[in-house]
Amino acid sequence: MKKPSESASNLKELINDAIRDMEITPEEYNKIMDCAHDDSHIDKEEKALLSQFQQMLSNGTIKRVKG
């Protein structure tokens, strides 16, 4: 089985940090998006993480708050 890329691991860590309190600030959101696009390639692990993250935002699991 292929090991996830370092950028996918970093992205997962940022998302986990952001959702611990079930809220995300604009700064946290921007860090996540910057990390995803940092290497100019979004691999399938990153796509899956971003999809789950966006779903949690859409269904209200994670609340967007002002910074």
PDB file of N, CA and C in Angstrom:
ATOM      1  N   MET A   1       0.844  -1.180   0.000  1.00  0.00           N
ATOM      2  CA  MET A   1       0.000   0.000   0.000  1.00  0.00           C
ATOM      3  C   MET A   1       0.885   1.237   0.000  1.00  0.00           C
ATOM      4  N   LYS A   2       0.520   2.191  -0.832  1.00  0.00           N
ATOM      5  CA  LYS A   2       1.301   3.408  -0.974  1.00  0.00           C
ATOM      6  C   LYS A   2       1.140   4.294   0.257  1.00  0.00           C
ATOM      7  N   LYS A   3       2.255   4.821   0.742  1.00  0.00           N
ATOM      8  CA  LYS A   3       2.245   5.713   1.904  1.00  0.00           C
ATOM      9  C   LYS A   3       1.736   7.082   1.470  1.00  0.00           C
ATOM     10  N   PRO A   4       0.850   7.717   2.275  1.00  0.00           N
ATOM     11  CA  PRO A   4       0.373   9.060   1.927  1.00  0.00           C
ATOM     12  C   PRO A   4       1.543  10.038   1.824  1.00  0.00           C
ATOM     13  N   SER A   5       1.373  11.031   0.967  1.00  0.00           N
ATOM     14  CA  SER A   5       2.417  12.028   0.789  1.00  0.00           C
ATOM     15  C   SER A   5       2.593  12.845   2.062  1.00  0.00           C
ATOM     16  N   GLU A   6       3.741  13.489   2.166  1.00  0.00           N
ATOM     17  CA  GLU A   6       4.001  14.342   3.332  1.00  0.00           C
ATOM     18  C   GLU A   6       2.991  15.480   3.383  1.00  0.00           C
ATOM     19  N   SER A   7       2.640  16.021   2.216  1.00  0.00           N
ATOM     20  CA  SER A   7       1.669  17.116   2.210  1.00  0.00           C
ATOM     21  C   SER A   7       0.296  16.636   2.674  1.00  0.00           C
ATOM     22  N   ALA A   8      -0.078  15.385   2.349  1.00  0.00           N
ATOM     23  CA  ALA A   8      -1.353  14.840   2.829  1.00  0.00           C
ATOM     24  C   ALA A   8      -1.315  14.657   4.337  1.00  0.00           C
ATOM     25  N   SER A   9      -0.182  14.220   4.861  1.00  0.00           N
ATOM     26  CA  SER A   9      -0.044  14.064   6.312  1.00  0.00           C
ATOM     27  C   SER A   9      -0.125  15.414   7.015  1.00  0.00           C
ATOM     28  N   ASN A  10       0.528  16.418   6.431  1.00  0.00           N
ATOM     29  CA  ASN A  10       0.457  17.772   7.003  1.00  0.00           C
ATOM     30  C   ASN A  10      -0.966  18.313   6.945  1.00  0.00           C
ATOM     31  N   LEU A  11      -1.643  18.068   5.836  1.00  0.00           N
ATOM     32  CA  LEU A  11      -3.013  18.526   5.675  1.00  0.00           C
ATOM     33  C   LEU A  11      -3.917  17.875   6.717  1.00  0.00           C
ATOM     34  N   LYS A  12      -3.739  16.579   6.921  1.00  0.00           N
ATOM     35  CA  LYS A  12      -4.546  15.852   7.913  1.00  0.00           C
ATOM     36  C   LYS A  12      -4.325  16.437   9.304  1.00  0.00           C
ATOM     37  N   GLU A  13      -3.087  16.736   9.633  1.00  0.00           N
ATOM     38  CA  GLU A  13      -2.774  17.314  10.939  1.00  0.00           C
ATOM     39  C   GLU A  13      -3.429  18.684  11.107  1.00  0.00           C
ATOM     40  N   LEU A  14      -3.378  19.519  10.069  1.00  0.00           N
ATOM     41  CA  LEU A  14      -4.009  20.844  10.146  1.00  0.00           C
ATOM     42  C   LEU A  14      -5.523  20.723  10.316  1.00  0.00           C
ATOM     43  N   ILE A  15      -6.130  19.819   9.575  1.00  0.00           N
ATOM     44  CA  ILE A  15      -7.582  19.631   9.681  1.00  0.00           C
ATOM     45  C   ILE A  15      -7.945  19.114  11.065  1.00  0.00           C
ATOM     46  N   ASN A  16      -7.195  18.150  11.573  1.00  0.00           N
ATOM     47  CA  ASN A  16      -7.471  17.632  12.913  1.00  0.00           C
ATOM     48  C   ASN A  16      -7.328  18.716  13.972  1.00  0.00           C
ATOM     49  N   ASP A  17      -6.306  19.557  13.849  1.00  0.00           N
ATOM     50  CA  ASP A  17      -6.132  20.658  14.797  1.00  0.00           C
ATOM     51  C   ASP A  17      -7.315  21.621  14.738  1.00  0.00           C
ATOM     52  N   ALA A  18      -7.781  21.903  13.538  1.00  0.00           N
ATOM     53  CA  ALA A  18      -8.876  22.859  13.362  1.00  0.00           C
ATOM     54  C   ALA A  18     -10.201  22.332  13.900  1.00  0.00           C
ATOM     55  N   ILE A  19     -10.420  21.016  13.848  1.00  0.00           N
ATOM     56  CA  ILE A  19     -11.730  20.495  14.251  1.00  0.00           C
ATOM     57  C   ILE A  19     -11.787  20.045  15.707  1.00  0.00           C
ATOM     58  N   ARG A  20     -10.706  20.117  16.408  1.00  0.00           N
ATOM     59  CA  ARG A  20     -10.736  19.692  17.816  1.00  0.00           C
ATOM     60  C   ARG A  20     -11.836  20.405  18.613  1.00  0.00           C
ATOM     61  N   ASP A  21     -11.981  21.693  18.345  1.00  0.00           N
ATOM     62  CA  ASP A  21     -13.014  22.447  19.070  1.00  0.00           C
ATOM     63  C   ASP A  21     -14.280  22.648  18.232  1.00  0.00           C
ATOM     64  N   MET A  22     -14.346  21.965  17.074  1.00  0.00           N
ATOM     65  CA  MET A  22     -15.504  21.997  16.174  1.00  0.00           C
ATOM     66  C   MET A  22     -15.766  23.394  15.604  1.00  0.00           C
ATOM     67  N   GLU A  23     -14.746  24.230  15.594  1.00  0.00           N
ATOM     68  CA  GLU A  23     -14.827  25.565  15.011  1.00  0.00           C
ATOM     69  C   GLU A  23     -13.579  25.793  14.157  1.00  0.00           C
ATOM     70  N   ILE A  24     -13.746  26.623  13.148  1.00  0.00           N
ATOM     71  CA  ILE A  24     -12.595  26.959  12.314  1.00  0.00           C
ATOM     72  C   ILE A  24     -12.601  28.455  12.029  1.00  0.00           C
ATOM     73  N   THR A  25     -11.458  29.059  12.237  1.00  0.00           N
ATOM     74  CA  THR A  25     -11.286  30.488  11.975  1.00  0.00           C
ATOM     75  C   THR A  25     -10.872  30.671  10.514  1.00  0.00           C
ATOM     76  N   PRO A  26     -11.012  31.881   9.994  1.00  0.00           N
ATOM     77  CA  PRO A  26     -10.533  32.128   8.627  1.00  0.00           C
ATOM     78  C   PRO A  26      -9.036  31.820   8.478  1.00  0.00           C
ATOM     79  N   GLU A  27      -8.256  32.103   9.500  1.00  0.00           N
ATOM     80  CA  GLU A  27      -6.816  31.814   9.450  1.00  0.00           C
ATOM     81  C   GLU A  27      -6.564  30.308   9.326  1.00  0.00           C
ATOM     82  N   GLU A  28      -7.288  29.512  10.122  1.00  0.00           N
ATOM     83  CA  GLU A  28      -7.134  28.054  10.047  1.00  0.00           C
ATOM     84  C   GLU A  28      -7.555  27.540   8.667  1.00  0.00           C
ATOM     85  N   TYR A  29      -8.664  28.062   8.162  1.00  0.00           N
ATOM     86  CA  TYR A  29      -9.158  27.654   6.853  1.00  0.00           C
ATOM     87  C   TYR A  29      -8.119  27.964   5.775  1.00  0.00           C
ATOM     88  N   ASN A  30      -7.549  29.162   5.828  1.00  0.00           N
ATOM     89  CA  ASN A  30      -6.538  29.554   4.848  1.00  0.00           C
ATOM     90  C   ASN A  30      -5.287  28.682   4.940  1.00  0.00           C
ATOM     91  N   LYS A  31      -4.881  28.322   6.145  1.00  0.00           N
ATOM     92  CA  LYS A  31      -3.720  27.436   6.319  1.00  0.00           C
ATOM     93  C   LYS A  31      -3.978  26.082   5.669  1.00  0.00           C
ATOM     94  N   ILE A  32      -5.188  25.565   5.846  1.00  0.00           N
ATOM     95  CA  ILE A  32      -5.559  24.277   5.262  1.00  0.00           C
ATOM     96  C   ILE A  32      -5.524  24.356   3.736  1.00  0.00           C
ATOM     97  N   MET A  33      -6.114  25.396   3.174  1.00  0.00           N
ATOM     98  CA  MET A  33      -6.131  25.549   1.720  1.00  0.00           C
ATOM     99  C   MET A  33      -4.721  25.775   1.173  1.00  0.00           C
ATOM    100  N   ASP A  34      -3.928  26.572   1.867  1.00  0.00           N
ATOM    101  CA  ASP A  34      -2.541  26.804   1.444  1.00  0.00           C
ATOM    102  C   ASP A  34      -1.743  25.505   1.460  1.00  0.00           C
ATOM    103  N   CYS A  35      -1.929  24.710   2.482  1.00  0.00           N
ATOM    104  CA  CYS A  35      -1.227  23.430   2.587  1.00  0.00           C
ATOM    105  C   CYS A  35      -1.621  22.507   1.437  1.00  0.00           C
ATOM    106  N   ALA A  36      -2.901  22.483   1.120  1.00  0.00           N
ATOM    107  CA  ALA A  36      -3.388  21.613   0.050  1.00  0.00           C
ATOM    108  C   ALA A  36      -2.793  22.005  -1.300  1.00  0.00           C
ATOM    109  N   HIS A  37      -2.591  23.294  -1.513  1.00  0.00           N
ATOM    110  CA  HIS A  37      -2.104  23.774  -2.798  1.00  0.00           C
ATOM    111  C   HIS A  37      -0.604  24.062  -2.810  1.00  0.00           C
ATOM    112  N   ASP A  38       0.066  23.830  -1.703  1.00  0.00           N
ATOM    113  CA  ASP A  38       1.474  24.200  -1.531  1.00  0.00           C
ATOM    114  C   ASP A  38       2.396  23.576  -2.572  1.00  0.00           C
ATOM    115  N   ASP A  39       2.193  22.322  -2.891  1.00  0.00           N
ATOM    116  CA  ASP A  39       3.079  21.650  -3.843  1.00  0.00           C
ATOM    117  C   ASP A  39       2.522  21.660  -5.272  1.00  0.00           C
ATOM    118  N   SER A  40       1.488  22.461  -5.501  1.00  0.00           N
ATOM    119  CA  SER A  40       0.847  22.610  -6.817  1.00  0.00           C
ATOM    120  C   SER A  40       0.267  21.301  -7.355  1.00  0.00           C
ATOM    121  N   HIS A  41       0.016  20.362  -6.448  1.00  0.00           N
ATOM    122  CA  HIS A  41      -0.588  19.087  -6.844  1.00  0.00           C
ATOM    123  C   HIS A  41      -1.431  18.569  -5.685  1.00  0.00           C
ATOM    124  N   ILE A  42      -2.690  18.283  -5.971  1.00  0.00           N
ATOM    125  CA  ILE A  42      -3.568  17.715  -4.955  1.00  0.00           C
ATOM    126  C   ILE A  42      -3.727  16.236  -5.292  1.00  0.00           C
ATOM    127  N   ASP A  43      -3.088  15.390  -4.460  1.00  0.00           N
ATOM    128  CA  ASP A  43      -3.165  13.947  -4.710  1.00  0.00           C
ATOM    129  C   ASP A  43      -4.477  13.387  -4.172  1.00  0.00           C
ATOM    130  N   LYS A  44      -4.705  12.100  -4.392  1.00  0.00           N
ATOM    131  CA  LYS A  44      -6.012  11.539  -4.020  1.00  0.00           C
ATOM    132  C   LYS A  44      -6.247  11.531  -2.513  1.00  0.00           C
ATOM    133  N   GLU A  45      -5.198  11.404  -1.697  1.00  0.00           N
ATOM    134  CA  GLU A  45      -5.369  11.471  -0.248  1.00  0.00           C
ATOM    135  C   GLU A  45      -5.821  12.870   0.168  1.00  0.00           C
ATOM    136  N   GLU A  46      -5.191  13.890  -0.444  1.00  0.00           N
ATOM    137  CA  GLU A  46      -5.573  15.264  -0.131  1.00  0.00           C
ATOM    138  C   GLU A  46      -6.998  15.556  -0.597  1.00  0.00           C
ATOM    139  N   LYS A  47      -7.372  15.046  -1.766  1.00  0.00           N
ATOM    140  CA  LYS A  47      -8.735  15.234  -2.262  1.00  0.00           C
ATOM    141  C   LYS A  47      -9.749  14.646  -1.289  1.00  0.00           C
ATOM    142  N   ALA A  48      -9.452  13.455  -0.781  1.00  0.00           N
ATOM    143  CA  ALA A  48     -10.362  12.805   0.164  1.00  0.00           C
ATOM    144  C   ALA A  48     -10.463  13.610   1.457  1.00  0.00           C
ATOM    145  N   LEU A  49      -9.322  14.074   1.962  1.00  0.00           N
ATOM    146  CA  LEU A  49      -9.331  14.875   3.193  1.00  0.00           C
ATOM    147  C   LEU A  49     -10.116  16.171   2.997  1.00  0.00           C
ATOM    148  N   LEU A  50      -9.877  16.854   1.888  1.00  0.00           N
ATOM    149  CA  LEU A  50     -10.581  18.107   1.618  1.00  0.00           C
ATOM    150  C   LEU A  50     -12.080  17.876   1.433  1.00  0.00           C
ATOM    151  N   SER A  51     -12.434  16.769   0.810  1.00  0.00           N
ATOM    152  CA  SER A  51     -13.848  16.445   0.621  1.00  0.00           C
ATOM    153  C   SER A  51     -14.538  16.229   1.968  1.00  0.00           C
ATOM    154  N   GLN A  52     -13.905  15.466   2.846  1.00  0.00           N
ATOM    155  CA  GLN A  52     -14.480  15.227   4.175  1.00  0.00           C
ATOM    156  C   GLN A  52     -14.559  16.528   4.967  1.00  0.00           C
ATOM    157  N   PHE A  53     -13.523  17.344   4.863  1.00  0.00           N
ATOM    158  CA  PHE A  53     -13.490  18.626   5.556  1.00  0.00           C
ATOM    159  C   PHE A  53     -14.629  19.526   5.063  1.00  0.00           C
ATOM    160  N   GLN A  54     -14.803  19.631   3.751  1.00  0.00           N
ATOM    161  CA  GLN A  54     -15.868  20.462   3.192  1.00  0.00           C
ATOM    162  C   GLN A  54     -17.241  19.928   3.583  1.00  0.00           C
ATOM    163  N   GLN A  55     -17.375  18.609   3.662  1.00  0.00           N
ATOM    164  CA  GLN A  55     -18.644  18.019   4.071  1.00  0.00           C
ATOM    165  C   GLN A  55     -18.967  18.394   5.522  1.00  0.00           C
ATOM    166  N   MET A  56     -17.956  18.380   6.391  1.00  0.00           N
ATOM    167  CA  MET A  56     -18.171  18.760   7.789  1.00  0.00           C
ATOM    168  C   MET A  56     -18.551  20.230   7.909  1.00  0.00           C
ATOM    169  N   LEU A  57     -17.992  21.067   7.053  1.00  0.00           N
ATOM    170  CA  LEU A  57     -18.381  22.476   7.042  1.00  0.00           C
ATOM    171  C   LEU A  57     -19.818  22.628   6.547  1.00  0.00           C
ATOM    172  N   SER A  58     -20.158  21.911   5.487  1.00  0.00           N
ATOM    173  CA  SER A  58     -21.486  22.014   4.882  1.00  0.00           C
ATOM    174  C   SER A  58     -22.602  21.530   5.801  1.00  0.00           C
ATOM    175  N   ASN A  59     -22.329  20.441   6.526  1.00  0.00           N
ATOM    176  CA  ASN A  59     -23.408  19.896   7.363  1.00  0.00           C
ATOM    177  C   ASN A  59     -23.429  20.477   8.774  1.00  0.00           C
ATOM    178  N   GLY A  60     -22.524  21.416   9.046  1.00  0.00           N
ATOM    179  CA  GLY A  60     -22.540  22.099  10.333  1.00  0.00           C
ATOM    180  C   GLY A  60     -21.764  21.415  11.440  1.00  0.00           C
ATOM    181  N   THR A  61     -21.093  20.316  11.125  1.00  0.00           N
ATOM    182  CA  THR A  61     -20.281  19.655  12.135  1.00  0.00           C
ATOM    183  C   THR A  61     -19.196  20.607  12.631  1.00  0.00           C
ATOM    184  N   ILE A  62     -18.595  21.333  11.687  1.00  0.00           N
ATOM    185  CA  ILE A  62     -17.608  22.354  12.015  1.00  0.00           C
ATOM    186  C   ILE A  62     -18.219  23.709  11.715  1.00  0.00           C
ATOM    187  N   LYS A  63     -18.165  24.610  12.653  1.00  0.00           N
ATOM    188  CA  LYS A  63     -18.711  25.950  12.498  1.00  0.00           C
ATOM    189  C   LYS A  63     -17.597  26.904  12.090  1.00  0.00           C
ATOM    190  N   ARG A  64     -17.868  27.758  11.115  1.00  0.00           N
ATOM    191  CA  ARG A  64     -16.911  28.813  10.759  1.00  0.00           C
ATOM    192  C   ARG A  64     -17.156  29.981  11.693  1.00  0.00           C
ATOM    193  N   VAL A  65     -16.081  30.462  12.291  1.00  0.00           N
ATOM    194  CA  VAL A  65     -16.181  31.571  13.222  1.00  0.00           C
ATOM    195  C   VAL A  65     -15.240  32.691  12.763  1.00  0.00           C
ATOM    196  N   LYS A  66     -15.486  33.888  13.269  1.00  0.00           N
ATOM    197  CA  LYS A  66     -14.613  35.018  12.956  1.00  0.00           C
ATOM    198  C   LYS A  66     -13.325  34.867  13.722  1.00  0.00           C
ATOM    199  N   GLY A  67     -12.242  35.304  13.118  1.00  0.00           N
ATOM    200  CA  GLY A  67     -10.934  35.198  13.734  1.00  0.00           C
ATOM    201  C   GLY A  67     -10.770  36.171  14.799  1.00  0.00           C
TER     202      GLY A  67
END
